[in-house]
Amino acid sequence: GGGSVPPPPLPGDGQFAAEVAEDGRMSCQFCGRFFNPDRIDKHQQICGHLKNARPKGVDGKPTQTGRKVFDAEAQRLGTGPCFVSPEKYEQKQQQRQIQAQSTRRPPTKAKWRREHEDFIAACRAGRGDETLRPPASPQRGGSRADDGKVSCPHCSRLFEPNAADRHIPICANVVNRAKPPPTAGGSSGQRRGVSP
């Protein structure tokens, strides 16, 4: 036959040792699969350059590093690389969970329970029964101090504290703000566009 041209250097070393099977086939140093001797050089050139499509080896184990994981939070906040290894991504997730648990607010009473207690206090105050508990003055409308919600000064909507921190700066810059609903004592009796 013709002279054999040495293959170009391959990126990195393979993880499998070169073997020759009984039938003369040779193993790829990257994926461990067996090929005919006249095809092994071409296969190793291709297999060595593959980034994410290399098949599993003969033992079923992956023959390349895993794909990197996309970290959307890192891209959104610009705090680091967007594509990280699975191990680093898991570490980041664990750190985020620990941080979230440490900054978690103490649980507050449910809204229905507060309203129920206010109602009971109002009933007791109405009966004059002040021996069990001093009456609390129930507040109508608006946000309550114990509700835990923050009122936006621009649109008067109520938000949880975390959401309010995000909403209020945005709401301050809104140009086309919706008009507030009409009041009951306003111009409800007048018709628009009709002259007397």
Protein backbone atom coordinates (compact mmCIF):
# COMPACT_ATOMS: atom_id res chain seq x y z
CA GLY A 1 0.00 0.00 0.00
CA GLY A 2 0.86 3.68 0.14
CA GLY A 3 2.90 5.43 2.79
CA SER A 4 1.05 6.43 5.92
CA VAL A 5 0.96 10.16 6.70
CA PRO A 6 1.16 10.85 10.45
CA PRO A 7 -2.05 12.39 11.74
CA PRO A 8 -1.97 16.01 12.92
CA PRO A 9 -1.58 16.52 16.66
CA LEU A 10 -4.81 16.12 18.58
CA PRO A 11 -5.98 18.52 21.26
CA GLY A 12 -5.20 17.07 24.67
CA ASP A 13 -4.57 13.47 25.51
CA GLY A 14 -7.29 10.88 25.36
CA GLN A 15 -8.53 9.04 28.38
CA PHE A 16 -8.31 5.56 26.86
CA ALA A 17 -5.14 3.60 26.17
CA ALA A 18 -4.63 2.42 22.59
CA GLU A 19 -5.74 -1.20 22.24
CA VAL A 20 -5.95 -3.65 19.37
CA ALA A 21 -8.78 -6.15 19.33
CA GLU A 22 -8.38 -9.80 18.21
CA ASP A 23 -9.98 -8.99 14.87
CA GLY A 24 -7.44 -6.20 14.20
CA ARG A 25 -9.62 -3.20 15.06
CA MET A 26 -8.00 -0.37 17.06
CA SER A 27 -9.55 1.62 19.89
CA CYS A 28 -10.02 5.39 19.85
CA GLN A 29 -8.10 7.13 22.61
CA PHE A 30 -10.97 9.57 23.19
CA CYS A 31 -14.12 7.44 23.21
CA GLY A 32 -12.70 3.91 23.50
CA ARG A 33 -14.74 2.55 20.58
CA PHE A 34 -13.07 0.22 18.08
CA PHE A 35 -12.50 1.02 14.38
CA ASN A 36 -10.74 -0.53 11.40
CA PRO A 37 -7.06 0.49 11.18
CA ASP A 38 -7.63 2.47 7.99
CA ARG A 39 -10.34 4.59 9.67
CA ILE A 40 -8.94 5.10 13.19
CA ASP A 41 -6.79 8.13 12.28
CA LYS A 42 -9.66 10.01 10.66
CA HIS A 43 -11.99 9.11 13.52
CA GLN A 44 -9.54 10.32 16.19
CA GLN A 45 -9.07 13.62 14.36
CA ILE A 46 -12.81 14.22 14.51
CA CYS A 47 -13.42 12.68 17.94
CA GLY A 48 -10.63 14.73 19.53
CA HIS A 49 -12.13 18.00 18.32
CA LEU A 50 -15.71 17.33 19.40
CA LYS A 51 -16.97 19.66 22.09
CA ASN A 52 -20.34 18.22 23.04
CA ALA A 53 -21.39 15.48 20.63
CA ARG A 54 -18.89 12.76 21.46
CA PRO A 55 -20.65 9.47 22.20
CA LYS A 56 -20.22 7.59 25.43
CA GLY A 57 -17.35 5.17 25.69
CA VAL A 58 -17.58 1.39 25.51
CA ASP A 59 -18.04 1.22 29.28
CA GLY A 60 -20.99 3.64 29.10
CA LYS A 61 -19.19 6.48 30.86
CA PRO A 62 -19.13 9.97 29.33
CA THR A 63 -15.94 10.64 27.40
CA GLN A 64 -15.95 14.41 27.68
CA THR A 65 -16.63 17.07 30.24
CA GLY A 66 -20.27 17.88 30.82
CA ARG A 67 -21.96 20.81 29.18
CA LYS A 68 -21.78 24.07 30.99
CA VAL A 69 -24.90 25.30 32.72
CA PHE A 70 -26.44 28.66 31.84
CA ASP A 71 -26.82 30.90 34.89
CA ALA A 72 -29.59 33.39 34.04
CA GLU A 73 -29.18 35.32 37.29
CA ALA A 74 -25.48 35.93 36.62
CA GLN A 75 -26.31 37.27 33.16
CA ARG A 76 -29.17 39.44 34.41
CA LEU A 77 -27.14 40.96 37.24
CA GLY A 78 -23.78 40.93 35.47
CA THR A 79 -22.11 39.33 38.49
CA GLY A 80 -19.96 36.78 36.69
CA PRO A 81 -19.76 34.31 33.83
CA CYS A 82 -23.07 33.13 32.41
CA PHE A 83 -21.90 29.63 31.52
CA VAL A 84 -20.40 27.67 34.41
CA SER A 85 -19.62 24.04 35.08
CA PRO A 86 -22.36 21.97 36.71
CA GLU A 87 -20.33 21.74 39.93
CA LYS A 88 -19.93 25.52 40.21
CA TYR A 89 -23.61 26.01 39.41
CA GLU A 90 -24.59 23.64 42.25
CA GLN A 91 -22.29 25.53 44.63
CA LYS A 92 -23.90 28.84 43.62
CA GLN A 93 -27.38 27.41 44.10
CA GLN A 94 -26.48 26.15 47.60
CA GLN A 95 -25.01 29.55 48.52
CA ARG A 96 -28.16 31.27 47.28
CA GLN A 97 -30.35 28.94 49.35
CA ILE A 98 -28.28 29.56 52.49
CA GLN A 99 -28.43 33.32 51.88
CA ALA A 100 -32.18 33.21 51.29
CA GLN A 101 -32.73 31.27 54.51
CA SER A 102 -30.64 33.73 56.53
CA THR A 103 -32.50 36.78 55.17
CA ARG A 104 -35.96 35.25 55.47
CA ARG A 105 -38.39 37.35 57.51
CA PRO A 106 -40.00 35.89 60.59
CA PRO A 107 -43.43 34.50 59.78
CA THR A 108 -46.25 36.97 60.28
CA LYS A 109 -49.81 36.21 61.19
CA ALA A 110 -52.09 35.42 58.32
CA LYS A 111 -54.33 38.24 57.16
CA TRP A 112 -57.51 36.36 58.00
CA ARG A 113 -56.27 35.76 61.55
CA ARG A 114 -55.51 39.45 62.10
CA GLU A 115 -58.89 40.41 60.71
CA HIS A 116 -60.56 37.79 62.91
CA GLU A 117 -58.80 39.07 66.02
CA ASP A 118 -59.77 42.65 65.13
CA PHE A 119 -63.36 41.54 64.67
CA ILE A 120 -63.42 39.70 68.02
CA ALA A 121 -61.88 42.74 69.71
CA ALA A 122 -64.51 45.02 68.15
CA CYS A 123 -67.30 42.67 69.32
CA ARG A 124 -65.91 42.60 72.85
CA ALA A 125 -65.54 46.36 72.84
CA GLY A 126 -69.16 46.69 71.71
CA ARG A 127 -70.34 44.48 74.59
CA GLY A 128 -68.12 46.29 77.05
CA ASP A 129 -66.19 43.08 77.78
CA GLU A 130 -62.73 44.44 78.54
CA THR A 131 -61.65 41.77 81.00
CA LEU A 132 -60.23 39.39 78.41
CA ARG A 133 -58.37 41.79 76.19
CA PRO A 134 -58.24 45.53 75.64
CA PRO A 135 -60.06 46.44 72.46
CA ALA A 136 -57.98 47.18 69.45
CA SER A 137 -59.20 49.96 67.24
CA PRO A 138 -59.97 48.36 63.91
CA GLN A 139 -58.67 50.40 61.00
CA ARG A 140 -60.71 50.74 57.86
CA GLY A 141 -59.17 50.89 54.38
CA GLY A 142 -55.55 51.78 53.66
CA SER A 143 -52.67 49.65 54.74
CA ARG A 144 -52.34 48.53 58.32
CA ALA A 145 -49.16 48.80 60.27
CA ASP A 146 -49.23 45.08 61.10
CA ASP A 147 -50.18 44.03 57.58
CA GLY A 148 -46.53 43.99 56.50
CA LYS A 149 -47.34 45.48 53.11
CA VAL A 150 -45.93 48.72 51.79
CA SER A 151 -48.06 51.28 49.96
CA CYS A 152 -46.59 52.83 46.81
CA PRO A 153 -46.66 56.64 47.16
CA HIS A 154 -47.24 57.04 43.41
CA CYS A 155 -50.04 54.58 42.60
CA SER A 156 -51.25 53.65 46.13
CA ARG A 157 -51.00 49.92 45.45
CA LEU A 158 -49.88 47.56 48.21
CA PHE A 159 -46.79 45.35 47.83
CA GLU A 160 -44.72 42.99 49.89
CA PRO A 161 -41.51 44.76 51.04
CA ASN A 162 -39.27 43.02 48.50
CA ALA A 163 -41.64 43.77 45.62
CA ALA A 164 -42.10 47.36 46.84
CA ASP A 165 -38.34 47.92 46.70
CA ARG A 166 -38.42 46.98 43.03
CA HIS A 167 -41.73 48.67 42.15
CA ILE A 168 -41.46 52.15 43.70
CA PRO A 169 -38.40 53.38 41.68
CA ILE A 170 -40.02 52.16 38.46
CA CYS A 171 -43.42 53.64 39.31
CA ALA A 172 -41.81 57.02 40.05
CA ASN A 173 -40.66 57.25 36.43
CA VAL A 174 -43.96 56.26 34.79
CA VAL A 175 -45.10 59.01 32.44
CA ASN A 176 -48.48 57.73 31.21
CA ARG A 177 -50.09 56.92 34.53
CA ALA A 178 -53.63 55.60 34.49
CA LYS A 179 -56.25 57.94 35.90
CA PRO A 180 -57.68 57.01 39.30
CA PRO A 181 -61.23 55.64 39.33
CA PRO A 182 -63.99 58.26 39.57
CA THR A 183 -65.34 59.08 43.00
CA ALA A 184 -68.99 58.49 43.91
CA GLY A 185 -69.75 62.16 44.56
CA GLY A 186 -67.99 63.37 41.40
CA SER A 187 -69.42 64.08 37.98
CA SER A 188 -71.37 60.85 37.67
CA GLY A 189 -74.64 62.65 36.83
CA GLN A 190 -73.21 64.68 33.96
CA ARG A 191 -73.07 63.32 30.44
CA ARG A 192 -70.08 63.98 28.29
CA GLY A 193 -70.24 65.62 24.91
CA VAL A 194 -73.88 66.76 25.22
CA SER A 195 -74.57 70.44 25.54
CA PRO A 196 -77.71 71.58 27.40
